[in-house]
Amino acid sequence: MIKPDPDVWYNKGVTLDRLGKYEEAIECFDEALKINPNTHVVWSSKGVVLGRLERYEEAIDCYDKAIEINSDYDAAWNNKGTALVRLGRYEDSIKCFDKTLRIKPSDEKK
């Protein structure tokens, strides 16, 4: 039996996102998550695409799942903060940005 590869679904989703085919990208991320629901990068990427569609509550749910899997994933904290800003939840967003800064205090260009 051939086991499906979640990385292929993820990569296809990323490509569809770049093409602006957001609903199709979400479908691919969902396929990857069916195979391996414990991949924080896929959850976070799905959140990004949902954010592009202004589906911020759903995006936040995805970021929360990514954070549950990897609480030190700074991109998920930062993106969650951005989605919260879009919803006008500024105090909550500041907490996310503070967490991002604790995880990754500097972003020096070398």
Protein backbone atom coordinates (compact mmCIF):
# COMPACT_ATOMS: atom_id res chain seq x y z
CA MET A 1 0.00 0.00 0.00
CA ILE A 2 1.33 3.42 -0.96
CA LYS A 3 1.14 5.97 1.82
CA PRO A 4 0.17 9.49 0.73
CA ASP A 5 2.83 12.12 1.30
CA PRO A 6 1.58 15.16 3.26
CA ASP A 7 4.54 17.22 2.01
CA VAL A 8 3.27 16.97 -1.57
CA TRP A 9 -0.18 18.21 -0.50
CA TYR A 10 1.45 21.01 1.49
CA ASN A 11 3.68 22.06 -1.42
CA LYS A 12 0.73 22.03 -3.81
CA GLY A 13 -1.20 24.20 -1.34
CA VAL A 14 1.65 26.69 -1.12
CA THR A 15 1.82 26.87 -4.91
CA LEU A 16 -1.93 27.37 -5.25
CA ASP A 17 -1.74 30.13 -2.64
CA ARG A 18 0.90 31.90 -4.73
CA LEU A 19 -1.39 31.61 -7.74
CA GLY A 20 -4.22 33.22 -5.78
CA LYS A 21 -6.26 30.01 -5.77
CA TYR A 22 -7.01 30.21 -2.07
CA GLU A 23 -9.91 27.77 -1.77
CA GLU A 24 -7.93 25.12 -3.63
CA ALA A 25 -4.92 25.79 -1.41
CA ILE A 26 -7.05 25.25 1.69
CA GLU A 27 -8.26 21.93 0.26
CA CYS A 28 -4.65 20.82 -0.18
CA PHE A 29 -3.72 21.83 3.34
CA ASP A 30 -6.74 19.89 4.59
CA GLU A 31 -5.53 16.80 2.72
CA ALA A 32 -2.08 17.15 4.28
CA LEU A 33 -3.68 17.53 7.72
CA LYS A 34 -5.78 14.38 7.20
CA ILE A 35 -2.54 12.47 6.77
CA ASN A 36 -0.66 14.22 9.58
CA PRO A 37 -2.71 16.57 11.78
CA ASN A 38 0.33 17.37 13.94
CA THR A 39 2.20 19.59 11.49
CA HIS A 40 2.33 23.13 12.82
CA VAL A 41 3.59 24.62 9.55
CA VAL A 42 0.58 23.30 7.63
CA TRP A 43 -1.87 24.64 10.21
CA SER A 44 -0.15 28.03 10.12
CA SER A 45 -0.09 28.12 6.31
CA LYS A 46 -3.79 27.31 6.21
CA GLY A 47 -4.32 30.21 8.61
CA VAL A 48 -2.43 32.55 6.29
CA VAL A 49 -4.65 31.63 3.35
CA LEU A 50 -7.80 31.99 5.45
CA GLY A 51 -6.53 35.44 6.42
CA ARG A 52 -6.16 36.35 2.74
CA LEU A 53 -9.86 35.50 2.43
CA GLU A 54 -10.61 37.69 5.49
CA ARG A 55 -11.79 34.62 7.40
CA TYR A 56 -9.93 35.77 10.48
CA GLU A 57 -11.70 33.68 13.14
CA GLU A 58 -10.96 30.51 11.18
CA ALA A 59 -7.38 31.69 10.68
CA ILE A 60 -6.99 32.21 14.41
CA ASP A 61 -8.26 28.68 15.03
CA CYS A 62 -5.54 27.39 12.70
CA TYR A 63 -2.84 29.45 14.40
CA ASP A 64 -4.04 28.14 17.76
CA LYS A 65 -3.64 24.57 16.51
CA ALA A 66 -0.16 25.36 15.23
CA ILE A 67 0.73 26.89 18.59
CA GLU A 68 -0.71 23.90 20.44
CA ILE A 69 1.66 21.66 18.47
CA ASN A 70 4.67 24.01 18.73
CA SER A 71 4.27 26.78 21.28
CA ASP A 72 7.54 28.38 20.12
CA TYR A 73 6.50 28.80 16.50
CA ASP A 74 6.93 32.56 16.22
CA ALA A 75 5.25 32.89 12.80
CA ALA A 76 1.98 31.49 14.17
CA TRP A 77 2.04 33.90 17.12
CA ASN A 78 2.80 36.85 14.83
CA ASN A 79 0.13 35.90 12.29
CA LYS A 80 -2.42 35.34 15.04
CA GLY A 81 -1.63 38.83 16.31
CA THR A 82 -2.20 40.26 12.85
CA ALA A 83 -5.54 38.46 12.49
CA LEU A 84 -6.60 39.80 15.90
CA VAL A 85 -5.74 43.33 14.76
CA ARG A 86 -7.99 42.85 11.72
CA LEU A 87 -10.81 41.94 14.13
CA GLY A 88 -10.12 45.00 16.27
CA ARG A 89 -8.96 42.87 19.20
CA TYR A 90 -5.93 45.00 19.93
CA GLU A 91 -5.18 43.96 23.50
CA ASP A 92 -5.19 40.29 22.50
CA SER A 93 -2.99 41.07 19.51
CA ILE A 94 -0.41 42.81 21.70
CA LYS A 95 -0.12 39.64 23.81
CA CYS A 96 0.62 37.65 20.66
CA PHE A 97 3.22 40.13 19.47
CA ASP A 98 4.84 40.14 22.92
CA LYS A 99 5.03 36.33 22.77
CA THR A 100 6.59 36.56 19.30
CA LEU A 101 9.20 38.98 20.62
CA ARG A 102 10.03 36.67 23.54
CA ILE A 103 10.51 33.74 21.17
CA LYS A 104 12.47 35.70 18.57
CA PRO A 105 13.77 38.88 20.21
CA SER A 106 15.79 40.11 17.23
CA ASP A 107 15.60 39.71 13.52
CA GLU A 108 19.03 41.01 12.61
CA LYS A 109 19.95 41.04 8.94
CA LYS A 110 23.42 39.68 8.37
